[in-house]
Amino acid sequence: MAVTSEATTLWFGDLMSGSGTTSLDSSDAAEFPVTWNARAEGEAGRTNPEELLGAAHSACYSMAFAHALAGEGHAPESLQVTAAVTFAPGEGITGSHLLVSAKVPGISEADFERIAEDAKANCPVSKALAGVPITLEASLA
């Protein structure tokens, strides 16, 4: 069964001085303030599309990696995944870097690295981001 998730942004004003809110409609979990300044320069208390994309990428990769590890008999105790999505004004999104720290009992370093790379390639958000470089730095804790 397919699931369609929705988010809505309500924007007021022009790009440079305007602002808006992005709401997670499907879950009703949160509403976030957004501005151009937050996107172009970073601004405390406001998010941007790249941070939201990073949240999606880190959550998706965590699920894909946990599933792949368990499928090979190495269920993880824990995974900490950070996705750092870079935006350059005038260029757009230039990449996503996955930083992973994992507790996986009994797995070899070689198997861990192979499964981590496979999860990166097969995570649905990674596939959606195929137009930008995705890098991975994974380590066993």
Protein backbone atom coordinates (compact mmCIF):
# COMPACT_ATOMS: atom_id res chain seq x y z
CA MET A 1 0.00 0.00 0.00
CA ALA A 2 1.41 3.38 -0.99
CA VAL A 3 1.44 6.21 1.55
CA THR A 4 1.35 9.81 0.42
CA SER A 5 2.72 12.30 2.93
CA GLU A 6 1.96 16.00 2.76
CA ALA A 7 3.55 19.20 3.96
CA THR A 8 2.38 22.74 3.26
CA THR A 9 4.27 26.02 3.26
CA LEU A 10 2.46 29.32 3.65
CA TRP A 11 4.72 32.18 2.46
CA PHE A 12 4.23 35.94 2.84
CA GLY A 13 6.16 38.60 0.95
CA ASP A 14 9.08 38.50 -1.41
CA LEU A 15 12.02 36.12 -1.18
CA MET A 16 14.49 38.34 0.64
CA SER A 17 12.27 39.94 3.29
CA GLY A 18 9.39 37.48 3.36
CA SER A 19 8.84 34.55 5.67
CA GLY A 20 6.61 31.56 6.06
CA THR A 21 5.75 28.41 7.93
CA THR A 22 6.05 24.84 6.81
CA SER A 23 3.58 22.41 8.37
CA LEU A 24 3.84 18.62 8.46
CA ASP A 25 0.24 18.01 7.45
CA SER A 26 0.02 14.23 7.33
CA SER A 27 1.28 13.69 10.87
CA ASP A 28 0.33 17.09 12.31
CA ALA A 29 3.63 16.67 14.19
CA ALA A 30 5.09 20.13 13.78
CA GLU A 31 5.11 23.53 12.13
CA PHE A 32 8.37 25.30 11.35
CA PRO A 33 9.16 28.95 10.54
CA VAL A 34 11.17 29.45 7.33
CA THR A 35 13.00 32.43 5.80
CA TRP A 36 15.47 33.04 2.99
CA ASN A 37 18.06 34.18 5.54
CA ALA A 38 17.75 30.85 7.35
CA ARG A 39 18.36 29.09 4.06
CA ALA A 40 21.18 31.24 2.71
CA GLU A 41 23.07 32.02 5.92
CA GLY A 42 21.60 29.94 8.75
CA GLU A 43 19.37 31.46 11.37
CA ALA A 44 18.64 30.13 14.85
CA GLY A 45 15.01 29.25 15.47
CA ARG A 46 14.13 28.86 11.79
CA THR A 47 14.55 25.92 9.49
CA ASN A 48 15.12 25.60 5.75
CA PRO A 49 14.41 23.06 3.02
CA GLU A 50 17.87 21.52 3.36
CA GLU A 51 17.48 20.87 7.09
CA LEU A 52 14.12 19.24 6.42
CA LEU A 53 15.72 17.20 3.63
CA GLY A 54 18.50 16.22 6.05
CA ALA A 55 15.86 15.04 8.53
CA ALA A 56 14.25 12.95 5.81
CA HIS A 57 17.59 11.53 4.65
CA SER A 58 18.83 10.64 8.13
CA ALA A 59 15.54 8.96 9.07
CA CYS A 60 15.32 7.05 5.80
CA TYR A 61 18.95 5.93 5.92
CA SER A 62 18.56 4.79 9.55
CA MET A 63 15.63 2.60 8.57
CA ALA A 64 17.34 1.22 5.46
CA PHE A 65 20.57 0.49 7.34
CA ALA A 66 18.78 -1.15 10.31
CA HIS A 67 16.80 -3.32 7.91
CA ALA A 68 19.88 -4.32 5.90
CA LEU A 69 21.89 -5.13 9.03
CA ALA A 70 19.08 -7.25 10.50
CA GLY A 71 18.62 -8.99 7.16
CA GLU A 72 22.20 -10.21 7.41
CA GLY A 73 21.82 -11.34 11.02
CA HIS A 74 23.29 -8.24 12.69
CA ALA A 75 20.43 -6.33 14.29
CA PRO A 76 21.85 -3.03 15.54
CA GLU A 77 21.65 -1.97 19.17
CA SER A 78 21.61 1.64 18.03
CA LEU A 79 22.29 3.88 15.05
CA GLN A 80 22.99 7.59 15.18
CA VAL A 81 22.73 9.12 11.73
CA THR A 82 23.27 12.76 10.83
CA ALA A 83 22.63 13.98 7.29
CA ALA A 84 24.37 17.26 6.48
CA VAL A 85 22.77 18.74 3.37
CA THR A 86 24.67 21.64 1.79
CA PHE A 87 23.02 24.53 -0.05
CA ALA A 88 24.92 27.19 -1.98
CA PRO A 89 22.92 30.25 -3.10
CA GLY A 90 22.98 30.42 -6.89
CA GLU A 91 23.99 26.75 -7.12
CA GLY A 92 21.37 24.88 -5.13
CA ILE A 93 21.81 21.70 -3.13
CA THR A 94 25.36 20.49 -3.64
CA GLY A 95 25.37 17.28 -1.60
CA SER A 96 24.37 15.24 1.42
CA HIS A 97 26.90 13.78 3.85
CA LEU A 98 25.78 10.89 6.06
CA LEU A 99 27.64 10.57 9.36
CA VAL A 100 26.88 7.28 11.13
CA SER A 101 27.85 5.91 14.52
CA ALA A 102 26.53 2.42 15.17
CA LYS A 103 26.49 -0.22 17.87
CA VAL A 104 26.25 -3.55 16.08
CA PRO A 105 27.37 -6.56 18.12
CA GLY A 106 29.41 -9.26 16.38
CA ILE A 107 29.81 -7.63 12.96
CA SER A 108 33.13 -7.38 11.16
CA GLU A 109 34.35 -3.99 9.95
CA ALA A 110 34.26 -5.19 6.34
CA ASP A 111 30.64 -6.39 6.58
CA PHE A 112 29.64 -3.20 8.38
CA GLU A 113 31.14 -1.00 5.66
CA ARG A 114 29.64 -3.08 2.84
CA ILE A 115 26.15 -2.99 4.37
CA ALA A 116 26.45 0.75 5.14
CA GLU A 117 27.32 1.52 1.51
CA ASP A 118 24.52 -0.71 0.23
CA ALA A 119 21.99 1.06 2.49
CA LYS A 120 23.24 4.43 1.19
CA ALA A 121 22.68 3.33 -2.40
CA ASN A 122 19.26 1.81 -1.74
CA CYS A 123 17.67 4.20 0.75
CA PRO A 124 14.66 5.73 -1.06
CA VAL A 125 15.70 9.29 -0.14
CA SER A 126 19.22 8.62 -1.44
CA LYS A 127 17.65 7.48 -4.69
CA ALA A 128 15.58 10.67 -4.81
CA LEU A 129 18.79 12.66 -4.33
CA ALA A 130 20.58 10.90 -7.19
CA GLY A 131 21.39 14.25 -8.81
CA VAL A 132 23.76 15.29 -6.01
CA PRO A 133 26.80 13.63 -4.44
CA ILE A 134 26.05 11.58 -1.32
CA THR A 135 29.00 10.76 0.90
CA LEU A 136 29.13 8.39 3.85
CA GLU A 137 31.28 8.26 6.96
CA ALA A 138 30.27 5.25 9.07
CA SER A 139 31.93 3.87 12.17
CA LEU A 140 31.27 1.28 14.83
CA ALA A 141 30.93 2.76 18.30
